[in-house]
């Protein structure tokens, strides 16, 4: 029973460590951020420098935004992740 508890504890700790976001190996530049056309697709209040700081220190950031589709504004969360092949953007409804 004690051995099983140790295995479960180790599994949970490893899962937690692997799920944490890490900063990117190469820092994200403002040019790379602007190439995603983030500020053209969404209305975001945070300046690019703030988003870059979060991406380069934590590897990911979630910001509140709005998306304008056919004259209607939809509230969304925009998640940006710094990956080795570029910035990945995911959108979630608020």
N, C-alpha and C. Protein backbone atom coordinates (compact mmCIF):
# COMPACT_ATOMS: atom_id res chain seq x y z
N UNK A 1 0.83 -1.19 0.00
CA UNK A 1 0.00 0.00 0.00
C UNK A 1 0.88 1.26 0.00
N UNK A 2 1.94 1.24 0.80
CA UNK A 2 2.83 2.39 0.88
C UNK A 2 3.52 2.62 -0.47
N UNK A 3 3.90 1.53 -1.13
CA UNK A 3 4.57 1.63 -2.45
C UNK A 3 3.63 2.24 -3.48
N UNK A 4 2.35 1.86 -3.45
CA UNK A 4 1.36 2.40 -4.36
C UNK A 4 1.18 3.90 -4.14
N UNK A 5 1.14 4.32 -2.90
CA UNK A 5 0.99 5.74 -2.57
C UNK A 5 2.20 6.54 -3.08
N UNK A 6 3.39 5.97 -2.95
CA UNK A 6 4.59 6.64 -3.46
C UNK A 6 4.54 6.77 -4.97
N UNK A 7 4.11 5.75 -5.65
CA UNK A 7 4.03 5.78 -7.12
C UNK A 7 3.02 6.83 -7.58
N UNK A 8 1.89 6.91 -6.91
CA UNK A 8 0.87 7.90 -7.26
C UNK A 8 1.41 9.31 -7.02
N UNK A 9 2.08 9.52 -5.90
CA UNK A 9 2.65 10.83 -5.58
C UNK A 9 3.68 11.25 -6.62
N UNK A 10 4.57 10.34 -6.98
CA UNK A 10 5.59 10.65 -7.99
C UNK A 10 4.93 10.96 -9.34
N UNK A 11 3.91 10.20 -9.70
CA UNK A 11 3.20 10.43 -10.97
C UNK A 11 2.55 11.81 -11.00
N UNK A 12 1.92 12.18 -9.91
CA UNK A 12 1.26 13.49 -9.83
C UNK A 12 2.30 14.61 -9.91
N UNK A 13 3.41 14.48 -9.21
CA UNK A 13 4.46 15.49 -9.26
C UNK A 13 5.06 15.62 -10.65
N UNK A 14 5.34 14.51 -11.30
CA UNK A 14 5.87 14.55 -12.66
C UNK A 14 4.88 15.19 -13.62
N UNK A 15 3.63 14.85 -13.50
CA UNK A 15 2.60 15.44 -14.35
C UNK A 15 2.49 16.93 -14.16
N UNK A 16 2.60 17.38 -12.92
CA UNK A 16 2.54 18.80 -12.63
C UNK A 16 3.74 19.53 -13.22
N UNK A 17 4.91 18.98 -13.08
CA UNK A 17 6.10 19.61 -13.62
C UNK A 17 6.07 19.68 -15.14
N UNK A 18 5.59 18.65 -15.78
CA UNK A 18 5.53 18.64 -17.23
C UNK A 18 4.46 19.56 -17.78
N UNK A 19 3.44 19.85 -17.00
CA UNK A 19 2.35 20.71 -17.45
C UNK A 19 2.66 22.19 -17.31
N UNK A 20 3.70 22.54 -16.58
CA UNK A 20 4.05 23.94 -16.38
C UNK A 20 4.59 24.53 -17.67
N UNK A 21 4.27 25.80 -17.88
CA UNK A 21 4.80 26.47 -19.06
C UNK A 21 6.24 26.92 -18.79
N UNK A 22 7.04 26.89 -19.82
CA UNK A 22 8.44 27.26 -19.72
C UNK A 22 8.73 28.41 -20.67
N UNK A 23 9.70 29.26 -20.33
CA UNK A 23 10.06 30.33 -21.26
C UNK A 23 10.68 29.74 -22.53
N UNK A 24 10.55 30.45 -23.65
CA UNK A 24 11.10 29.92 -24.90
C UNK A 24 12.63 29.94 -24.89
N UNK A 25 13.23 29.06 -25.69
CA UNK A 25 14.68 29.00 -25.79
C UNK A 25 15.22 30.27 -26.43
N UNK A 26 14.56 30.70 -27.51
CA UNK A 26 14.93 31.95 -28.19
C UNK A 26 13.84 32.98 -27.90
N UNK A 27 14.20 34.17 -27.42
CA UNK A 27 13.19 35.18 -27.09
C UNK A 27 12.34 35.57 -28.30
N UNK A 28 11.07 35.82 -28.04
CA UNK A 28 10.15 36.27 -29.08
C UNK A 28 10.40 37.75 -29.32
N UNK A 29 10.45 38.16 -30.58
CA UNK A 29 10.68 39.56 -30.91
C UNK A 29 9.35 40.24 -31.23
N UNK A 30 9.39 41.56 -31.22
CA UNK A 30 8.19 42.32 -31.55
C UNK A 30 7.79 42.06 -33.00
N UNK A 31 8.78 41.88 -33.86
CA UNK A 31 8.49 41.59 -35.28
C UNK A 31 7.72 40.28 -35.42
N UNK A 32 8.14 39.24 -34.69
CA UNK A 32 7.44 37.96 -34.74
C UNK A 32 6.01 38.09 -34.22
N UNK A 33 5.83 38.88 -33.17
CA UNK A 33 4.48 39.09 -32.62
C UNK A 33 3.60 39.81 -33.63
N UNK A 34 4.15 40.82 -34.29
CA UNK A 34 3.36 41.57 -35.26
C UNK A 34 3.05 40.75 -36.52
N UNK A 35 3.88 39.78 -36.84
CA UNK A 35 3.63 38.92 -38.00
C UNK A 35 2.41 38.03 -37.80
N UNK A 36 1.97 37.84 -36.55
CA UNK A 36 0.77 37.04 -36.28
C UNK A 36 -0.50 37.82 -36.58
N UNK A 37 -0.38 39.13 -36.79
CA UNK A 37 -1.53 40.03 -37.04
C UNK A 37 -2.52 39.99 -35.88
N UNK A 38 -1.99 39.84 -34.69
CA UNK A 38 -2.81 39.76 -33.48
C UNK A 38 -3.68 41.00 -33.31
N UNK A 39 -3.10 42.17 -33.49
CA UNK A 39 -3.83 43.41 -33.26
C UNK A 39 -4.76 43.76 -34.41
N UNK A 40 -4.68 43.05 -35.53
CA UNK A 40 -5.62 43.24 -36.62
C UNK A 40 -6.83 42.32 -36.48
N UNK A 41 -6.62 41.13 -35.91
CA UNK A 41 -7.70 40.17 -35.74
C UNK A 41 -8.54 40.46 -34.49
N UNK A 42 -7.89 40.98 -33.46
CA UNK A 42 -8.55 41.18 -32.16
C UNK A 42 -8.36 42.62 -31.69
N UNK A 43 -9.27 43.06 -30.84
CA UNK A 43 -9.12 44.33 -30.15
C UNK A 43 -8.59 43.98 -28.76
N UNK A 44 -7.32 44.33 -28.51
CA UNK A 44 -6.64 43.97 -27.27
C UNK A 44 -6.10 45.24 -26.63
N UNK A 45 -6.35 45.41 -25.33
CA UNK A 45 -5.94 46.61 -24.62
C UNK A 45 -4.45 46.58 -24.23
N UNK A 46 -3.89 45.41 -24.00
CA UNK A 46 -2.51 45.30 -23.54
C UNK A 46 -1.55 45.69 -24.67
N UNK A 47 -0.53 46.47 -24.35
CA UNK A 47 0.46 46.82 -25.38
C UNK A 47 1.34 45.61 -25.73
N UNK A 48 1.94 45.68 -26.90
CA UNK A 48 2.76 44.57 -27.39
C UNK A 48 3.93 44.27 -26.46
N UNK A 49 4.50 45.30 -25.85
CA UNK A 49 5.65 45.09 -24.96
C UNK A 49 5.27 44.25 -23.75
N UNK A 50 4.07 44.45 -23.24
CA UNK A 50 3.60 43.67 -22.09
C UNK A 50 3.39 42.20 -22.48
N UNK A 51 2.86 41.97 -23.65
CA UNK A 51 2.64 40.60 -24.13
C UNK A 51 3.98 39.92 -24.38
N UNK A 52 4.93 40.66 -24.97
CA UNK A 52 6.27 40.11 -25.21
C UNK A 52 6.96 39.73 -23.91
N UNK A 53 6.84 40.57 -22.90
CA UNK A 53 7.45 40.27 -21.60
C UNK A 53 6.90 38.97 -21.04
N UNK A 54 5.58 38.81 -21.09
CA UNK A 54 4.95 37.60 -20.57
C UNK A 54 5.37 36.36 -21.37
N UNK A 55 5.40 36.49 -22.69
CA UNK A 55 5.81 35.36 -23.53
C UNK A 55 7.25 34.96 -23.26
N UNK A 56 8.12 35.93 -23.09
CA UNK A 56 9.54 35.63 -22.91
C UNK A 56 9.90 35.19 -21.50
N UNK A 57 9.04 35.46 -20.52
CA UNK A 57 9.33 35.01 -19.15
C UNK A 57 8.58 33.73 -18.78
N UNK A 58 7.32 33.60 -19.26
CA UNK A 58 6.52 32.44 -18.88
C UNK A 58 6.23 31.49 -20.04
N UNK A 59 6.43 31.94 -21.26
CA UNK A 59 6.18 31.08 -22.41
C UNK A 59 4.76 31.14 -22.93
N UNK A 60 3.85 31.67 -22.15
CA UNK A 60 2.46 31.81 -22.59
C UNK A 60 1.79 32.96 -21.86
N UNK A 61 0.72 33.45 -22.45
CA UNK A 61 -0.05 34.52 -21.84
C UNK A 61 -1.49 34.43 -22.36
N UNK A 62 -2.43 34.78 -21.49
CA UNK A 62 -3.85 34.84 -21.87
C UNK A 62 -4.31 36.27 -21.65
N UNK A 63 -4.87 36.87 -22.70
CA UNK A 63 -5.35 38.25 -22.62
C UNK A 63 -6.82 38.30 -23.01
N UNK A 64 -7.51 39.29 -22.48
CA UNK A 64 -8.90 39.51 -22.87
C UNK A 64 -8.92 40.30 -24.16
N UNK A 65 -9.83 39.95 -25.03
CA UNK A 65 -9.94 40.66 -26.30
C UNK A 65 -11.36 40.65 -26.82
N UNK A 66 -11.52 41.34 -27.94
CA UNK A 66 -12.80 41.36 -28.63
C UNK A 66 -12.53 41.02 -30.08
N UNK A 67 -13.49 40.35 -30.69
CA UNK A 67 -13.38 40.02 -32.10
C UNK A 67 -14.60 40.60 -32.80
N UNK A 68 -14.36 41.35 -33.87
CA UNK A 68 -15.43 41.98 -34.61
C UNK A 68 -15.74 41.14 -35.84
N UNK A 69 -16.92 40.52 -35.84
CA UNK A 69 -17.35 39.69 -36.96
C UNK A 69 -18.68 40.22 -37.47
N UNK A 70 -18.71 40.64 -38.70
CA UNK A 70 -19.90 41.22 -39.36
C UNK A 70 -20.61 42.24 -38.49
N UNK A 71 -19.85 43.16 -37.94
CA UNK A 71 -20.43 44.26 -37.17
C UNK A 71 -20.78 43.92 -35.74
N UNK A 72 -20.59 42.69 -35.30
CA UNK A 72 -20.88 42.31 -33.92
C UNK A 72 -19.57 42.06 -33.20
N UNK A 73 -19.51 42.49 -31.93
CA UNK A 73 -18.31 42.25 -31.12
C UNK A 73 -18.53 41.04 -30.23
N UNK A 74 -17.58 40.12 -30.28
CA UNK A 74 -17.62 38.93 -29.45
C UNK A 74 -16.47 39.00 -28.46
N UNK A 75 -16.76 38.79 -27.17
CA UNK A 75 -15.73 38.80 -26.14
C UNK A 75 -15.01 37.45 -26.14
N UNK A 76 -13.69 37.50 -26.17
CA UNK A 76 -12.89 36.28 -26.22
C UNK A 76 -11.68 36.39 -25.31
N UNK A 77 -11.14 35.25 -24.94
CA UNK A 77 -9.82 35.16 -24.34
C UNK A 77 -8.88 34.72 -25.45
N UNK A 78 -7.74 35.35 -25.55
CA UNK A 78 -6.76 34.99 -26.55
C UNK A 78 -5.53 34.44 -25.82
N UNK A 79 -5.19 33.20 -26.12
CA UNK A 79 -4.03 32.56 -25.50
C UNK A 79 -2.91 32.51 -26.51
N UNK A 80 -1.76 33.05 -26.14
CA UNK A 80 -0.57 33.03 -26.99
C UNK A 80 0.47 32.15 -26.34
N UNK A 81 1.07 31.27 -27.13
CA UNK A 81 2.12 30.39 -26.62
C UNK A 81 3.35 30.52 -27.51
N UNK A 82 4.50 30.72 -26.88
CA UNK A 82 5.76 30.79 -27.62
C UNK A 82 6.29 29.37 -27.80
N UNK A 83 6.42 28.95 -29.04
CA UNK A 83 6.92 27.61 -29.36
C UNK A 83 8.14 27.73 -30.26
N UNK A 84 8.83 26.64 -30.45
CA UNK A 84 10.04 26.68 -31.26
C UNK A 84 9.74 26.99 -32.72
N UNK A 85 8.52 26.69 -33.17
CA UNK A 85 8.17 26.98 -34.57
C UNK A 85 7.35 28.26 -34.72
N UNK A 86 7.30 29.09 -33.69
CA UNK A 86 6.59 30.37 -33.77
C UNK A 86 5.59 30.54 -32.65
N UNK A 87 4.75 31.53 -32.80
CA UNK A 87 3.74 31.84 -31.78
C UNK A 87 2.45 31.17 -32.18
N UNK A 88 1.87 30.42 -31.24
CA UNK A 88 0.58 29.78 -31.47
C UNK A 88 -0.49 30.61 -30.77
N UNK A 89 -1.61 30.84 -31.47
CA UNK A 89 -2.71 31.64 -30.94
C UNK A 89 -3.96 30.78 -30.90
N UNK A 90 -4.61 30.78 -29.74
CA UNK A 90 -5.88 30.08 -29.57
C UNK A 90 -6.90 31.06 -29.01
N UNK A 91 -8.13 30.93 -29.43
CA UNK A 91 -9.19 31.84 -29.01
C UNK A 91 -10.27 31.05 -28.28
N UNK A 92 -10.74 31.61 -27.16
CA UNK A 92 -11.79 30.98 -26.35
C UNK A 92 -12.86 31.99 -26.05
N UNK A 93 -14.11 31.57 -26.06
CA UNK A 93 -15.22 32.48 -25.70
C UNK A 93 -15.15 32.87 -24.25
N UNK A 94 -15.58 34.09 -23.97
CA UNK A 94 -15.66 34.56 -22.58
C UNK A 94 -17.05 34.37 -22.07
